[in-house]
Amino acid sequence: MKPELLSESAIQQQMASLPAWQLEGKELVKEFRFASYMAGIDFVRRVAVLAEAMNHHPDLLVGWRKVTVRLSTHSAGGLTRLDFELAGQVTQAEASPANPA
């Protein structure tokens, strides 16, 4: 079953719980910074495990000491509860002890 798109008011309500994330068009976006390139790679691995468990996969851009995460439910054409759920998990993954930023 395809997830339902969230209304603008529901999106704004969900954004309140993710203050560091930004809306860019129909995507949730956040750039994460790290003390080293390899710390960013470790973060990507943790995000990949979370995404695979949800069967909901973000677009990840890896740079030098930074990773940009973009979330959108492509099959629904915008943002769904899945995007906000994964964003919350990704935020928690950043705060894990494996990230000595």
PDB file of N, CA and C in Angstrom:
ATOM      1  N   MET A   1       0.846  -1.172   0.000  1.00  0.00           N
ATOM      2  CA  MET A   1       0.000   0.000   0.000  1.00  0.00           C
ATOM      3  C   MET A   1       0.897   1.244   0.000  1.00  0.00           C
ATOM      4  N   LYS A   2       0.598   2.183  -0.885  1.00  0.00           N
ATOM      5  CA  LYS A   2       1.365   3.412  -1.004  1.00  0.00           C
ATOM      6  C   LYS A   2       1.051   4.352   0.158  1.00  0.00           C
ATOM      7  N   PRO A   3       2.096   4.905   0.817  1.00  0.00           N
ATOM      8  CA  PRO A   3       1.851   5.846   1.913  1.00  0.00           C
ATOM      9  C   PRO A   3       1.150   7.102   1.404  1.00  0.00           C
ATOM     10  N   GLU A   4       0.336   7.695   2.256  1.00  0.00           N
ATOM     11  CA  GLU A   4      -0.413   8.897   1.874  1.00  0.00           C
ATOM     12  C   GLU A   4       0.429  10.144   2.073  1.00  0.00           C
ATOM     13  N   LEU A   5       0.294  11.074   1.140  1.00  0.00           N
ATOM     14  CA  LEU A   5       0.951  12.372   1.265  1.00  0.00           C
ATOM     15  C   LEU A   5       0.401  13.109   2.476  1.00  0.00           C
ATOM     16  N   LEU A   6       1.265  13.848   3.150  1.00  0.00           N
ATOM     17  CA  LEU A   6       0.829  14.670   4.280  1.00  0.00           C
ATOM     18  C   LEU A   6       0.350  16.024   3.780  1.00  0.00           C
ATOM     19  N   SER A   7      -0.622  16.592   4.466  1.00  0.00           N
ATOM     20  CA  SER A   7      -1.100  17.936   4.142  1.00  0.00           C
ATOM     21  C   SER A   7      -0.047  18.955   4.569  1.00  0.00           C
ATOM     22  N   GLU A   8      -0.157  20.177   4.077  1.00  0.00           N
ATOM     23  CA  GLU A   8       0.777  21.247   4.463  1.00  0.00           C
ATOM     24  C   GLU A   8       0.770  21.459   5.971  1.00  0.00           C
ATOM     25  N   SER A   9      -0.419  21.443   6.574  1.00  0.00           N
ATOM     26  CA  SER A   9      -0.484  21.653   8.024  1.00  0.00           C
ATOM     27  C   SER A   9       0.167  20.487   8.778  1.00  0.00           C
ATOM     28  N   ALA A  10      -0.013  19.269   8.301  1.00  0.00           N
ATOM     29  CA  ALA A  10       0.621  18.113   8.942  1.00  0.00           C
ATOM     30  C   ALA A  10       2.141  18.180   8.787  1.00  0.00           C
ATOM     31  N   ILE A  11       2.611  18.631   7.631  1.00  0.00           N
ATOM     32  CA  ILE A  11       4.052  18.787   7.411  1.00  0.00           C
ATOM     33  C   ILE A  11       4.612  19.812   8.385  1.00  0.00           C
ATOM     34  N   GLN A  12       3.950  20.955   8.525  1.00  0.00           N
ATOM     35  CA  GLN A  12       4.423  21.997   9.437  1.00  0.00           C
ATOM     36  C   GLN A  12       4.428  21.502  10.882  1.00  0.00           C
ATOM     37  N   GLN A  13       3.424  20.737  11.239  1.00  0.00           N
ATOM     38  CA  GLN A  13       3.360  20.178  12.585  1.00  0.00           C
ATOM     39  C   GLN A  13       4.536  19.215  12.815  1.00  0.00           C
ATOM     40  N   GLN A  14       4.822  18.377  11.835  1.00  0.00           N
ATOM     41  CA  GLN A  14       5.937  17.430  11.945  1.00  0.00           C
ATOM     42  C   GLN A  14       7.283  18.154  11.973  1.00  0.00           C
ATOM     43  N   MET A  15       7.409  19.252  11.234  1.00  0.00           N
ATOM     44  CA  MET A  15       8.655  20.008  11.189  1.00  0.00           C
ATOM     45  C   MET A  15       9.027  20.549  12.568  1.00  0.00           C
ATOM     46  N   ALA A  16       8.050  20.811  13.393  1.00  0.00           N
ATOM     47  CA  ALA A  16       8.317  21.337  14.734  1.00  0.00           C
ATOM     48  C   ALA A  16       9.164  20.366  15.561  1.00  0.00           C
ATOM     49  N   SER A  17       9.050  19.072  15.271  1.00  0.00           N
ATOM     50  CA  SER A  17       9.826  18.082  16.022  1.00  0.00           C
ATOM     51  C   SER A  17      11.206  17.844  15.408  1.00  0.00           C
ATOM     52  N   LEU A  18      11.487  18.483  14.281  1.00  0.00           N
ATOM     53  CA  LEU A  18      12.768  18.316  13.588  1.00  0.00           C
ATOM     54  C   LEU A  18      13.352  19.687  13.243  1.00  0.00           C
ATOM     55  N   PRO A  19      13.686  20.494  14.240  1.00  0.00           N
ATOM     56  CA  PRO A  19      14.063  21.888  13.972  1.00  0.00           C
ATOM     57  C   PRO A  19      15.305  22.059  13.095  1.00  0.00           C
ATOM     58  N   ALA A  20      16.198  21.101  13.058  1.00  0.00           N
ATOM     59  CA  ALA A  20      17.418  21.257  12.261  1.00  0.00           C
ATOM     60  C   ALA A  20      17.223  20.870  10.795  1.00  0.00           C
ATOM     61  N   TRP A  21      16.103  20.277  10.474  1.00  0.00           N
ATOM     62  CA  TRP A  21      15.814  19.872   9.099  1.00  0.00           C
ATOM     63  C   TRP A  21      15.146  21.027   8.354  1.00  0.00           C
ATOM     64  N   GLN A  22      15.332  21.047   7.037  1.00  0.00           N
ATOM     65  CA  GLN A  22      14.747  22.083   6.186  1.00  0.00           C
ATOM     66  C   GLN A  22      13.821  21.439   5.158  1.00  0.00           C
ATOM     67  N   LEU A  23      12.840  22.201   4.734  1.00  0.00           N
ATOM     68  CA  LEU A  23      12.006  21.778   3.610  1.00  0.00           C
ATOM     69  C   LEU A  23      12.578  22.400   2.344  1.00  0.00           C
ATOM     70  N   GLU A  24      12.833  21.566   1.353  1.00  0.00           N
ATOM     71  CA  GLU A  24      13.263  22.043   0.039  1.00  0.00           C
ATOM     72  C   GLU A  24      12.347  21.398  -0.980  1.00  0.00           C
ATOM     73  N   GLY A  25      11.373  22.160  -1.428  1.00  0.00           N
ATOM     74  CA  GLY A  25      10.376  21.602  -2.340  1.00  0.00           C
ATOM     75  C   GLY A  25       9.594  20.511  -1.643  1.00  0.00           C
ATOM     76  N   LYS A  26       9.665  19.313  -2.188  1.00  0.00           N
ATOM     77  CA  LYS A  26       8.956  18.164  -1.621  1.00  0.00           C
ATOM     78  C   LYS A  26       9.905  17.226  -0.883  1.00  0.00           C
ATOM     79  N   GLU A  27      10.994  17.786  -0.340  1.00  0.00           N
ATOM     80  CA  GLU A  27      11.984  16.970   0.360  1.00  0.00           C
ATOM     81  C   GLU A  27      12.316  17.555   1.729  1.00  0.00           C
ATOM     82  N   LEU A  28      12.647  16.665   2.655  1.00  0.00           N
ATOM     83  CA  LEU A  28      13.248  17.028   3.936  1.00  0.00           C
ATOM     84  C   LEU A  28      14.753  16.913   3.743  1.00  0.00           C
ATOM     85  N   VAL A  29      15.490  17.940   4.158  1.00  0.00           N
ATOM     86  CA  VAL A  29      16.928  17.953   3.904  1.00  0.00           C
ATOM     87  C   VAL A  29      17.674  18.389   5.154  1.00  0.00           C
ATOM     88  N   LYS A  30      18.797  17.718   5.406  1.00  0.00           N
ATOM     89  CA  LYS A  30      19.680  18.133   6.482  1.00  0.00           C
ATOM     90  C   LYS A  30      21.107  17.762   6.116  1.00  0.00           C
ATOM     91  N   GLU A  31      22.026  18.695   6.383  1.00  0.00           N
ATOM     92  CA  GLU A  31      23.451  18.425   6.211  1.00  0.00           C
ATOM     93  C   GLU A  31      24.044  18.137   7.586  1.00  0.00           C
ATOM     94  N   PHE A  32      24.693  16.998   7.696  1.00  0.00           N
ATOM     95  CA  PHE A  32      25.342  16.579   8.931  1.00  0.00           C
ATOM     96  C   PHE A  32      26.846  16.778   8.757  1.00  0.00           C
ATOM     97  N   ARG A  33      27.492  17.308   9.784  1.00  0.00           N
ATOM     98  CA  ARG A  33      28.950  17.550   9.740  1.00  0.00           C
ATOM     99  C   ARG A  33      29.660  16.628  10.726  1.00  0.00           C
ATOM    100  N   PHE A  34      30.881  16.241  10.349  1.00  0.00           N
ATOM    101  CA  PHE A  34      31.635  15.270  11.128  1.00  0.00           C
ATOM    102  C   PHE A  34      33.079  15.710  11.298  1.00  0.00           C
ATOM    103  N   ALA A  35      33.750  15.133  12.285  1.00  0.00           N
ATOM    104  CA  ALA A  35      35.139  15.463  12.579  1.00  0.00           C
ATOM    105  C   ALA A  35      36.092  14.905  11.523  1.00  0.00           C
ATOM    106  N   SER A  36      35.660  13.869  10.817  1.00  0.00           N
ATOM    107  CA  SER A  36      36.508  13.263   9.788  1.00  0.00           C
ATOM    108  C   SER A  36      35.640  12.671   8.686  1.00  0.00           C
ATOM    109  N   TYR A  37      36.263  12.411   7.559  1.00  0.00           N
ATOM    110  CA  TYR A  37      35.569  11.780   6.445  1.00  0.00           C
ATOM    111  C   TYR A  37      35.024  10.416   6.856  1.00  0.00           C
ATOM    112  N   MET A  38      35.850   9.631   7.552  1.00  0.00           N
ATOM    113  CA  MET A  38      35.433   8.282   7.936  1.00  0.00           C
ATOM    114  C   MET A  38      34.285   8.292   8.943  1.00  0.00           C
ATOM    115  N   ALA A  39      34.202   9.326   9.790  1.00  0.00           N
ATOM    116  CA  ALA A  39      33.051   9.438  10.697  1.00  0.00           C
ATOM    117  C   ALA A  39      31.768   9.621   9.888  1.00  0.00           C
ATOM    118  N   GLY A  40      31.850  10.384   8.803  1.00  0.00           N
ATOM    119  CA  GLY A  40      30.693  10.547   7.909  1.00  0.00           C
ATOM    120  C   GLY A  40      30.311   9.242   7.240  1.00  0.00           C
ATOM    121  N   ILE A  41      31.300   8.485   6.831  1.00  0.00           N
ATOM    122  CA  ILE A  41      31.040   7.183   6.200  1.00  0.00           C
ATOM    123  C   ILE A  41      30.384   6.230   7.187  1.00  0.00           C
ATOM    124  N   ASP A  42      30.837   6.242   8.438  1.00  0.00           N
ATOM    125  CA  ASP A  42      30.210   5.408   9.461  1.00  0.00           C
ATOM    126  C   ASP A  42      28.754   5.814   9.667  1.00  0.00           C
ATOM    127  N   PHE A  43      28.485   7.116   9.661  1.00  0.00           N
ATOM    128  CA  PHE A  43      27.115   7.618   9.774  1.00  0.00           C
ATOM    129  C   PHE A  43      26.264   7.111   8.609  1.00  0.00           C
ATOM    130  N   VAL A  44      26.796   7.156   7.393  1.00  0.00           N
ATOM    131  CA  VAL A  44      26.067   6.653   6.219  1.00  0.00           C
ATOM    132  C   VAL A  44      25.709   5.187   6.408  1.00  0.00           C
ATOM    133  N   ARG A  45      26.637   4.407   6.944  1.00  0.00           N
ATOM    134  CA  ARG A  45      26.358   2.982   7.183  1.00  0.00           C
ATOM    135  C   ARG A  45      25.195   2.824   8.162  1.00  0.00           C
ATOM    136  N   ARG A  46      25.201   3.619   9.234  1.00  0.00           N
ATOM    137  CA  ARG A  46      24.113   3.534  10.226  1.00  0.00           C
ATOM    138  C   ARG A  46      22.779   3.952   9.600  1.00  0.00           C
ATOM    139  N   VAL A  47      22.802   5.008   8.789  1.00  0.00           N
ATOM    140  CA  VAL A  47      21.576   5.450   8.105  1.00  0.00           C
ATOM    141  C   VAL A  47      21.089   4.362   7.149  1.00  0.00           C
ATOM    142  N   ALA A  48      22.002   3.728   6.446  1.00  0.00           N
ATOM    143  CA  ALA A  48      21.622   2.669   5.501  1.00  0.00           C
ATOM    144  C   ALA A  48      20.928   1.511   6.202  1.00  0.00           C
ATOM    145  N   VAL A  49      21.416   1.152   7.375  1.00  0.00           N
ATOM    146  CA  VAL A  49      20.791   0.061   8.146  1.00  0.00           C
ATOM    147  C   VAL A  49      19.369   0.457   8.549  1.00  0.00           C
ATOM    148  N   LEU A  50      19.199   1.686   9.030  1.00  0.00           N
ATOM    149  CA  LEU A  50      17.861   2.175   9.408  1.00  0.00           C
ATOM    150  C   LEU A  50      16.923   2.198   8.203  1.00  0.00           C
ATOM    151  N   ALA A  51      17.422   2.720   7.089  1.00  0.00           N
ATOM    152  CA  ALA A  51      16.612   2.840   5.878  1.00  0.00           C
ATOM    153  C   ALA A  51      16.184   1.470   5.359  1.00  0.00           C
ATOM    154  N   GLU A  52      17.109   0.543   5.367  1.00  0.00           N
ATOM    155  CA  GLU A  52      16.787  -0.804   4.876  1.00  0.00           C
ATOM    156  C   GLU A  52      15.734  -1.463   5.757  1.00  0.00           C
ATOM    157  N   ALA A  53      15.839  -1.270   7.074  1.00  0.00           N
ATOM    158  CA  ALA A  53      14.855  -1.847   7.997  1.00  0.00           C
ATOM    159  C   ALA A  53      13.460  -1.290   7.732  1.00  0.00           C
ATOM    160  N   MET A  54      13.381  -0.029   7.299  1.00  0.00           N
ATOM    161  CA  MET A  54      12.085   0.594   7.003  1.00  0.00           C
ATOM    162  C   MET A  54      11.655   0.390   5.550  1.00  0.00           C
ATOM    163  N   ASN A  55      12.577  -0.107   4.714  1.00  0.00           N
ATOM    164  CA  ASN A  55      12.349  -0.166   3.267  1.00  0.00           C
ATOM    165  C   ASN A  55      11.980   1.223   2.738  1.00  0.00           C
ATOM    166  N   HIS A  56      12.722   2.215   3.219  1.00  0.00           N
ATOM    167  CA  HIS A  56      12.500   3.615   2.831  1.00  0.00           C
ATOM    168  C   HIS A  56      13.875   4.268   2.740  1.00  0.00           C
ATOM    169  N   HIS A  57      14.329   4.547   1.530  1.00  0.00           N
ATOM    170  CA  HIS A  57      15.726   4.866   1.296  1.00  0.00           C
ATOM    171  C   HIS A  57      15.934   6.323   0.908  1.00  0.00           C
ATOM    172  N   PRO A  58      16.733   7.045   1.687  1.00  0.00           N
ATOM    173  CA  PRO A  58      17.007   8.453   1.394  1.00  0.00           C
ATOM    174  C   PRO A  58      18.059   8.585   0.298  1.00  0.00           C
ATOM    175  N   ASP A  59      18.143   9.788  -0.248  1.00  0.00           N
ATOM    176  CA  ASP A  59      19.260  10.136  -1.106  1.00  0.00           C
ATOM    177  C   ASP A  59      20.349  10.674  -0.188  1.00  0.00           C
ATOM    178  N   LEU A  60      21.549  10.150  -0.336  1.00  0.00           N
ATOM    179  CA  LEU A  60      22.678  10.534   0.508  1.00  0.00           C
ATOM    180  C   LEU A  60      23.791  11.090  -0.369  1.00  0.00           C
ATOM    181  N   LEU A  61      24.303  12.248   0.014  1.00  0.00           N
ATOM    182  CA  LEU A  61      25.436  12.847  -0.683  1.00  0.00           C
ATOM    183  C   LEU A  61      26.576  12.941   0.311  1.00  0.00           C
ATOM    184  N   VAL A  62      27.659  12.230   0.012  1.00  0.00           N
ATOM    185  CA  VAL A  62      28.816  12.199   0.902  1.00  0.00           C
ATOM    186  C   VAL A  62      29.852  13.181   0.392  1.00  0.00           C
ATOM    187  N   GLY A  63      30.301  14.044   1.290  1.00  0.00           N
ATOM    188  CA  GLY A  63      31.367  14.986   0.986  1.00  0.00           C
ATOM    189  C   GLY A  63      32.453  14.880   2.040  1.00  0.00           C
ATOM    190  N   TRP A  64      33.399  15.775   1.987  1.00  0.00           N
ATOM    191  CA  TRP A  64      34.484  15.768   2.954  1.00  0.00           C
ATOM    192  C   TRP A  64      33.961  16.274   4.286  1.00  0.00           C
ATOM    193  N   ARG A  65      33.867  15.368   5.267  1.00  0.00           N
ATOM    194  CA  ARG A  65      33.394  15.642   6.620  1.00  0.00           C
ATOM    195  C   ARG A  65      31.944  16.128   6.664  1.00  0.00           C
ATOM    196  N   LYS A  66      31.152  15.779   5.654  1.00  0.00           N
ATOM    197  CA  LYS A  66      29.727  16.108   5.698  1.00  0.00           C
ATOM    198  C   LYS A  66      28.925  15.105   4.876  1.00  0.00           C
ATOM    199  N   VAL A  67      27.682  14.926   5.290  1.00  0.00           N
ATOM    200  CA  VAL A  67      26.747  14.057   4.582  1.00  0.00           C
ATOM    201  C   VAL A  67      25.421  14.807   4.508  1.00  0.00           C
ATOM    202  N   THR A  68      24.875  14.925   3.303  1.00  0.00           N
ATOM    203  CA  THR A  68      23.570  15.536   3.126  1.00  0.00           C
ATOM    204  C   THR A  68      22.543  14.425   2.937  1.00  0.00           C
ATOM    205  N   VAL A  69      21.474  14.482   3.731  1.00  0.00           N
ATOM    206  CA  VAL A  69      20.404  13.494   3.672  1.00  0.00           C
ATOM    207  C   VAL A  69      19.175  14.178   3.089  1.00  0.00           C
ATOM    208  N   ARG A  70      18.588  13.564   2.069  1.00  0.00           N
ATOM    209  CA  ARG A  70      17.361  14.064   1.440  1.00  0.00           C
ATOM    210  C   ARG A  70      16.304  12.973   1.517  1.00  0.00           C
ATOM    211  N   LEU A  71      15.160  13.322   2.073  1.00  0.00           N
ATOM    212  CA  LEU A  71      14.066  12.370   2.247  1.00  0.00           C
ATOM    213  C   LEU A  71      12.824  12.829   1.498  1.00  0.00           C
ATOM    214  N   SER A  72      12.226  11.905   0.792  1.00  0.00           N
ATOM    215  CA  SER A  72      10.949  12.113   0.119  1.00  0.00           C
ATOM    216  C   SER A  72      10.418  10.730  -0.247  1.00  0.00           C
ATOM    217  N   THR A  73       9.123  10.595  -0.255  1.00  0.00           N
ATOM    218  CA  THR A  73       8.530   9.315  -0.667  1.00  0.00           C
ATOM    219  C   THR A  73       8.221   9.433  -2.154  1.00  0.00           C
ATOM    220  N   HIS A  74       9.156   8.986  -2.973  1.00  0.00           N
ATOM    221  CA  HIS A  74       9.045   9.163  -4.417  1.00  0.00           C
ATOM    222  C   HIS A  74       7.784   8.521  -4.984  1.00  0.00           C
ATOM    223  N   SER A  75       7.403   7.372  -4.458  1.00  0.00           N
ATOM    224  CA  SER A  75       6.221   6.680  -4.980  1.00  0.00           C
ATOM    225  C   SER A  75       4.938   7.459  -4.706  1.00  0.00           C
ATOM    226  N   ALA A  76       4.955   8.325  -3.682  1.00  0.00           N
ATOM    227  CA  ALA A  76       3.774   9.130  -3.353  1.00  0.00           C
ATOM    228  C   ALA A  76       3.875  10.541  -3.932  1.00  0.00           C
ATOM    229  N   GLY A  77       5.066  10.927  -4.379  1.00  0.00           N
ATOM    230  CA  GLY A  77       5.240  12.247  -4.967  1.00  0.00           C
ATOM    231  C   GLY A  77       5.415  13.373  -3.957  1.00  0.00           C
ATOM    232  N   GLY A  78       5.912  13.035  -2.769  1.00  0.00           N
ATOM    233  CA  GLY A  78       6.123  14.079  -1.757  1.00  0.00           C
ATOM    234  C   GLY A  78       6.405  13.480  -0.397  1.00  0.00           C
ATOM    235  N   LEU A  79       6.048  14.230   0.628  1.00  0.00           N
ATOM    236  CA  LEU A  79       6.356  13.823   1.997  1.00  0.00           C
ATOM    237  C   LEU A  79       5.226  13.020   2.637  1.00  0.00           C
ATOM    238  N   THR A  80       5.633  11.938   3.308  1.00  0.00           N
ATOM    239  CA  THR A  80       4.700  11.080   4.031  1.00  0.00           C
ATOM    240  C   THR A  80       5.233  10.883   5.443  1.00  0.00           C
ATOM    241  N   ARG A  81       4.487  10.179   6.250  1.00  0.00           N
ATOM    242  CA  ARG A  81       4.921   9.892   7.623  1.00  0.00           C
ATOM    243  C   ARG A  81       6.247   9.153   7.641  1.00  0.00           C
ATOM    244  N   LEU A  82       6.517   8.346   6.604  1.00  0.00           N
ATOM    245  CA  LEU A  82       7.767   7.600   6.532  1.00  0.00           C
ATOM    246  C   LEU A  82       8.985   8.532   6.547  1.00  0.00           C
ATOM    247  N   ASP A  83       8.876   9.654   5.845  1.00  0.00           N
ATOM    248  CA  ASP A  83       9.996  10.593   5.774  1.00  0.00           C
ATOM    249  C   ASP A  83      10.306  11.184   7.142  1.00  0.00           C
ATOM    250  N   PHE A  84       9.279  11.553   7.869  1.00  0.00           N
ATOM    251  CA  PHE A  84       9.486  12.140   9.194  1.00  0.00           C
ATOM    252  C   PHE A  84       9.951  11.090  10.205  1.00  0.00           C
ATOM    253  N   GLU A  85       9.448   9.882  10.069  1.00  0.00           N
ATOM    254  CA  GLU A  85       9.881   8.802  10.947  1.00  0.00           C
ATOM    255  C   GLU A  85      11.368   8.511  10.738  1.00  0.00           C
ATOM    256  N   LEU A  86      11.785   8.410   9.479  1.00  0.00           N
ATOM    257  CA  LEU A  86      13.190   8.138   9.196  1.00  0.00           C
ATOM    258  C   LEU A  86      14.060   9.338   9.579  1.00  0.00           C
ATOM    259  N   ALA A  87      13.590  10.547   9.368  1.00  0.00           N
ATOM    260  CA  ALA A  87      14.357  11.737   9.763  1.00  0.00           C
ATOM    261  C   ALA A  87      14.641  11.721  11.264  1.00  0.00           C
ATOM    262  N   GLY A  88      13.659  11.347  12.053  1.00  0.00           N
ATOM    263  CA  GLY A  88      13.863  11.253  13.490  1.00  0.00           C
ATOM    264  C   GLY A  88      14.907  10.207  13.839  1.00  0.00           C
ATOM    265  N   GLN A  89      14.864   9.070  13.172  1.00  0.00           N
ATOM    266  CA  GLN A  89      15.838   8.013  13.421  1.00  0.00           C
ATOM    267  C   GLN A  89      17.237   8.431  12.976  1.00  0.00           C
ATOM    268  N   VAL A  90      17.325   9.138  11.854  1.00  0.00           N
ATOM    269  CA  VAL A  90      18.613   9.613  11.356  1.00  0.00           C
ATOM    270  C   VAL A  90      19.210  10.621  12.339  1.00  0.00           C
ATOM    271  N   THR A  91      18.371  11.493  12.873  1.00  0.00           N
ATOM    272  CA  THR A  91      18.835  12.473  13.859  1.00  0.00           C
ATOM    273  C   THR A  91      19.399  11.763  15.087  1.00  0.00           C
ATOM    274  N   GLN A  92      18.735  10.707  15.526  1.00  0.00           N
ATOM    275  CA  GLN A  92      19.223   9.926  16.662  1.00  0.00           C
ATOM    276  C   GLN A  92      20.536   9.219  16.317  1.00  0.00           C
ATOM    277  N   ALA A  93      20.671   8.741  15.081  1.00  0.00           N
ATOM    278  CA  ALA A  93      21.898   8.077  14.657  1.00  0.00           C
ATOM    279  C   ALA A  93      23.074   9.044  14.690  1.00  0.00           C
ATOM    280  N   GLU A  94      22.817  10.302  14.383  1.00  0.00           N
ATOM    281  CA  GLU A  94      23.878  11.311  14.440  1.00  0.00           C
ATOM    282  C   GLU A  94      24.385  11.472  15.873  1.00  0.00           C
ATOM    283  N   ALA A  95      23.474  11.391  16.824  1.00  0.00           N
ATOM    284  CA  ALA A  95      23.827  11.627  18.215  1.00  0.00           C
ATOM    285  C   ALA A  95      24.434  10.408  18.897  1.00  0.00           C
ATOM    286  N   SER A  96      24.524   9.285  18.181  1.00  0.00           N
ATOM    287  CA  SER A  96      25.049   8.060  18.795  1.00  0.00           C
ATOM    288  C   SER A  96      26.539   8.222  19.109  1.00  0.00           C
ATOM    289  N   PRO A  97      27.052   7.450  20.063  1.00  0.00           N
ATOM    290  CA  PRO A  97      28.453   7.552  20.470  1.00  0.00           C
ATOM    291  C   PRO A  97      29.448   7.319  19.339  1.00  0.00           C
ATOM    292  N   ALA A  98      29.018   6.699  18.246  1.00  0.00           N
ATOM    293  CA  ALA A  98      29.925   6.443  17.131  1.00  0.00           C
ATOM    294  C   ALA A  98      30.269   7.720  16.371  1.00  0.00           C
ATOM    295  N   ASN A  99      29.635   8.855  16.713  1.00  0.00           N
ATOM    296  CA  ASN A  99      29.906  10.120  16.023  1.00  0.00           C
ATOM    297  C   ASN A  99      30.655  11.078  16.940  1.00  0.00           C
ATOM    298  N   PRO A 100      31.984  11.020  16.948  1.00  0.00           N
ATOM    299  CA  PRO A 100      32.741  11.915  17.821  1.00  0.00           C
ATOM    300  C   PRO A 100      32.997  13.271  17.164  1.00  0.00           C
ATOM    301  N   ALA A 101      31.963  13.961  16.749  1.00  0.00           N
ATOM    302  CA  ALA A 101      32.116  15.232  16.024  1.00  0.00           C
ATOM    303  C   ALA A 101      32.699  16.333  16.854  1.00  0.00           C
TER     304      ALA A 101
END
